[in-house]
């Protein structure tokens, strides 16, 4: 899979996919993860900035050319001001659905029609190239585990790894070697957060804010499910 051109939310959507569990990616936790990726991507591109904790559009007319990102940007522009934490969860399903359809259109996911209980029509989404998704997952694990020096990790890969770690446990690429070593894990996340926010002034704070929001939402989802 040529995953280089993938946007951050598209990459996170694929990383969250579990081929062994049908529909596992279509959960509130993954919706929040994908939305967090979209927020971070907009910040990386200089279209969202932080104004005392508020996610703030920089330009009322700028576009990215990416339908998913532009859709979120329009939503933020048309809404009352909200903090990053609020935007991670607010209408997050809209961004997830848009990313999923984008991945289908680009050939990364395949929509398969089926019937529930043999009666009700439904659609199941599966990776079109499972082996390529597995490679992407292993690359992200190597970033999280520290097998790649932080200075050699691209800013987008660092941000993806940080956000995926925040959404763990329970996501396919969320655990890896060293996951039980809390101190080392926290230090690695701090390194990657610094790296993921290196593209522009203030971005490190935004990555940290979004990471905290995803982590809190994921903890809430785990607690409510009893797992």
Protein backbone atom coordinates (compact mmCIF):
# COMPACT_ATOMS: atom_id res chain seq x y z
CA UNK A 1 0.00 0.00 0.00
CA UNK A 2 1.42 3.39 -0.92
CA UNK A 3 0.61 4.87 2.49
CA UNK A 4 2.89 7.90 2.15
CA UNK A 5 0.22 10.21 0.66
CA UNK A 6 -2.44 9.17 3.19
CA UNK A 7 -3.67 11.94 5.44
CA UNK A 8 -3.25 11.45 9.18
CA UNK A 9 -6.93 10.60 9.83
CA UNK A 10 -6.93 8.11 6.92
CA UNK A 11 -3.80 6.43 8.27
CA UNK A 12 -5.27 6.19 11.77
CA UNK A 13 -8.49 4.73 10.39
CA UNK A 14 -6.55 1.94 8.67
CA UNK A 15 -4.37 1.34 11.73
CA UNK A 16 -7.48 0.88 13.87
CA UNK A 17 -8.89 -1.79 11.55
CA UNK A 18 -8.90 -5.30 12.97
CA UNK A 19 -9.40 -7.84 10.15
CA UNK A 20 -10.24 -10.50 12.74
CA UNK A 21 -13.21 -8.56 14.13
CA UNK A 22 -15.90 -7.38 11.74
CA UNK A 23 -17.04 -3.86 12.57
CA UNK A 24 -14.42 -3.41 15.31
CA UNK A 25 -13.26 -0.11 13.80
CA UNK A 26 -16.75 1.38 13.90
CA UNK A 27 -16.74 2.36 17.58
CA UNK A 28 -16.81 5.67 19.44
CA UNK A 29 -13.17 5.19 20.44
CA UNK A 30 -12.07 4.90 16.82
CA UNK A 31 -14.32 7.78 15.80
CA UNK A 32 -12.52 9.96 18.36
CA UNK A 33 -9.13 8.73 17.17
CA UNK A 34 -9.86 9.56 13.53
CA UNK A 35 -11.27 12.98 14.46
CA UNK A 36 -8.14 13.68 16.52
CA UNK A 37 -6.05 12.83 13.48
CA UNK A 38 -8.04 15.28 11.36
CA UNK A 39 -7.64 18.06 13.93
CA UNK A 40 -3.90 17.43 14.15
CA UNK A 41 -3.57 17.35 10.36
CA UNK A 42 -5.31 20.71 10.05
CA UNK A 43 -3.00 22.14 12.70
CA UNK A 44 0.05 20.69 10.92
CA UNK A 45 -1.06 22.41 7.72
CA UNK A 46 -1.39 25.73 9.52
CA UNK A 47 -5.18 25.96 9.14
CA UNK A 48 -6.04 25.51 12.82
CA UNK A 49 -4.24 27.20 15.67
CA UNK A 50 -4.55 27.25 19.44
CA UNK A 51 -6.06 30.33 21.07
CA UNK A 52 -5.90 29.75 24.83
CA UNK A 53 -7.05 26.16 24.39
CA UNK A 54 -9.63 26.91 21.68
CA UNK A 55 -9.31 25.28 18.23
CA UNK A 56 -9.33 28.36 16.00
CA UNK A 57 -9.36 28.59 12.17
CA UNK A 58 -6.49 30.72 10.87
CA UNK A 59 -8.13 31.66 7.56
CA UNK A 60 -11.86 31.71 6.86
CA UNK A 61 -11.38 30.94 3.17
CA UNK A 62 -8.45 28.50 3.01
CA UNK A 63 -9.02 24.97 1.67
CA UNK A 64 -6.90 21.82 1.75
CA UNK A 65 -8.31 20.04 -1.30
CA UNK A 66 -9.10 17.05 0.94
CA UNK A 67 -12.87 16.63 1.31
CA UNK A 68 -12.59 15.18 4.83
CA UNK A 69 -10.36 17.93 6.17
CA UNK A 70 -12.30 20.69 4.44
CA UNK A 71 -15.55 19.30 5.83
CA UNK A 72 -14.21 19.44 9.38
CA UNK A 73 -12.75 22.89 8.82
CA UNK A 74 -16.15 24.15 7.64
CA UNK A 75 -17.83 22.59 10.68
CA UNK A 76 -15.43 24.35 13.04
CA UNK A 77 -15.83 27.68 11.24
CA UNK A 78 -19.63 27.47 11.37
CA UNK A 79 -19.83 26.44 15.03
CA UNK A 80 -19.35 28.24 18.29
CA UNK A 81 -15.74 28.18 19.58
CA UNK A 82 -14.83 24.93 21.33
CA UNK A 83 -11.77 23.51 23.02
CA UNK A 84 -9.72 20.75 21.37
CA UNK A 85 -11.13 18.19 23.81
CA UNK A 86 -14.67 19.04 22.72
CA UNK A 87 -13.85 18.75 19.02
CA UNK A 88 -12.28 15.31 19.48
CA UNK A 89 -15.74 13.97 20.39
CA UNK A 90 -18.22 16.43 18.88
CA UNK A 91 -19.91 14.83 15.83
CA UNK A 92 -16.82 12.61 15.47
CA UNK A 93 -18.81 9.98 13.61
CA UNK A 94 -19.16 12.39 10.67
CA UNK A 95 -15.39 12.52 10.17
CA UNK A 96 -15.01 8.76 10.59
CA UNK A 97 -17.70 8.04 7.97
CA UNK A 98 -16.13 10.53 5.54
CA UNK A 99 -12.67 9.01 5.98
CA UNK A 100 -14.02 5.50 5.51
CA UNK A 101 -15.74 6.46 2.27
CA UNK A 102 -12.56 8.19 1.12
CA UNK A 103 -10.56 5.02 1.77
CA UNK A 104 -13.10 2.99 -0.20
CA UNK A 105 -12.92 5.42 -3.13
CA UNK A 106 -9.11 5.26 -3.12
CA UNK A 107 -9.04 1.46 -3.01
CA UNK A 108 -7.73 1.00 0.54
CA UNK A 109 -10.98 -0.45 1.88
CA UNK A 110 -13.57 -2.62 0.19
CA UNK A 111 -17.31 -2.40 0.89
CA UNK A 112 -18.94 -5.84 0.86
CA UNK A 113 -22.71 -6.24 0.91
CA UNK A 114 -24.13 -8.87 3.24
CA UNK A 115 -27.33 -9.75 5.08
CA UNK A 116 -27.72 -9.79 8.85
CA UNK A 117 -29.58 -12.91 10.01
CA UNK A 118 -29.97 -13.67 6.35
CA UNK A 119 -32.60 -10.96 6.03
CA UNK A 120 -31.44 -7.40 6.60
CA UNK A 121 -29.08 -5.79 4.06
CA UNK A 122 -25.86 -4.43 5.50
CA UNK A 123 -22.36 -3.40 4.39
CA UNK A 124 -19.12 -4.70 5.84
CA UNK A 125 -15.89 -2.78 5.24
CA UNK A 126 -12.64 -4.74 4.97
CA UNK A 127 -9.07 -3.79 4.02
CA UNK A 128 -8.53 -4.26 0.29
CA UNK A 129 -4.86 -5.09 0.91
CA UNK A 130 -4.59 -6.77 4.36
CA UNK A 131 -0.86 -7.47 4.01
CA UNK A 132 -0.14 -3.78 3.38
CA UNK A 133 -2.19 -2.76 6.44
CA UNK A 134 -0.15 -5.26 8.47
CA UNK A 135 3.07 -3.61 7.29
CA UNK A 136 1.74 -0.19 8.25
CA UNK A 137 0.80 -1.55 11.68
CA UNK A 138 4.26 -3.03 12.22
CA UNK A 139 5.91 0.23 11.21
CA UNK A 140 3.81 2.08 13.79
CA UNK A 141 4.65 -0.47 16.47
CA UNK A 142 8.36 0.01 15.77
CA UNK A 143 7.92 3.76 16.25
CA UNK A 144 6.06 3.26 19.55
CA UNK A 145 8.53 0.68 20.83
CA UNK A 146 11.55 2.91 20.28
CA UNK A 147 13.19 0.77 17.63
CA UNK A 148 13.46 3.92 15.52
CA UNK A 149 15.17 6.99 17.06
CA UNK A 150 12.62 9.79 17.50
CA UNK A 151 14.75 12.16 15.41
CA UNK A 152 14.43 9.78 12.45
CA UNK A 153 10.63 9.49 12.67
CA UNK A 154 8.63 11.76 10.36
CA UNK A 155 6.41 14.30 12.11
CA UNK A 156 3.25 12.69 10.71
CA UNK A 157 4.34 9.18 11.75
CA UNK A 158 5.16 10.46 15.24
CA UNK A 159 1.74 12.11 15.55
CA UNK A 160 0.02 8.92 14.32
CA UNK A 161 1.85 6.78 16.86
CA UNK A 162 1.12 9.17 19.72
CA UNK A 163 -2.60 9.33 18.96
CA UNK A 164 -2.87 5.58 18.45
CA UNK A 165 -1.18 4.99 21.80
CA UNK A 166 -3.68 7.35 23.43
CA UNK A 167 -6.58 5.33 22.03
CA UNK A 168 -5.14 2.00 23.29
CA UNK A 169 -5.76 -0.50 24.78
CA UNK A 170 -7.81 -2.56 22.42
CA UNK A 171 -6.69 -1.26 19.04
CA UNK A 172 -4.61 -3.58 16.85
CA UNK A 173 -1.45 -1.46 16.71
CA UNK A 174 -1.81 -0.02 20.18
CA UNK A 175 0.31 -2.58 21.99
CA UNK A 176 3.82 -3.65 21.30
CA UNK A 177 7.15 -4.55 22.82
CA UNK A 178 7.74 -2.64 26.03
CA UNK A 179 4.08 -1.74 26.54
CA UNK A 180 4.29 -3.01 30.11
CA UNK A 181 7.16 -0.70 30.99
CA UNK A 182 5.15 2.35 32.02
CA UNK A 183 8.09 4.70 32.60
CA UNK A 184 9.80 3.91 29.33
CA UNK A 185 6.50 4.08 27.49
CA UNK A 186 5.70 7.53 28.89
CA UNK A 187 9.16 8.79 27.98
CA UNK A 188 8.75 7.51 24.43
CA UNK A 189 5.33 9.15 24.10
CA UNK A 190 6.83 12.43 25.29
CA UNK A 191 9.60 12.13 22.67
CA UNK A 192 7.12 11.41 19.91
CA UNK A 193 4.80 14.21 21.02
CA UNK A 194 7.72 16.62 20.76
CA UNK A 195 8.59 15.24 17.34
CA UNK A 196 4.98 15.24 16.12
CA UNK A 197 4.65 18.90 17.03
CA UNK A 198 7.92 20.01 15.49
CA UNK A 199 6.43 21.34 12.24
CA UNK A 200 5.30 24.71 13.55
CA UNK A 201 5.32 26.89 16.68
CA UNK A 202 2.54 25.87 19.05
CA UNK A 203 1.91 22.54 17.35
CA UNK A 204 3.50 20.52 20.13
CA UNK A 205 0.93 21.96 22.55
CA UNK A 206 -1.89 21.08 20.16
CA UNK A 207 -0.65 17.50 19.75
CA UNK A 208 -0.45 17.23 23.53
CA UNK A 209 -3.97 18.65 23.96
CA UNK A 210 -5.46 16.27 21.40
CA UNK A 211 -3.53 13.32 22.86
CA UNK A 212 -4.99 14.09 26.29
CA UNK A 213 -8.49 14.32 24.85
CA UNK A 214 -8.25 10.98 23.02
CA UNK A 215 -6.78 9.34 26.11
CA UNK A 216 -9.61 10.64 28.30
CA UNK A 217 -12.33 9.64 25.83
CA UNK A 218 -10.81 6.17 25.45
CA UNK A 219 -10.61 5.67 29.21
CA UNK A 220 -14.26 6.70 29.48
CA UNK A 221 -15.24 4.24 26.74
CA UNK A 222 -13.37 1.38 28.43
CA UNK A 223 -14.95 2.19 31.80
CA UNK A 224 -18.48 2.32 30.37
CA UNK A 225 -18.00 -1.01 28.58
CA UNK A 226 -16.61 -2.70 31.68
CA UNK A 227 -13.46 -3.80 29.81
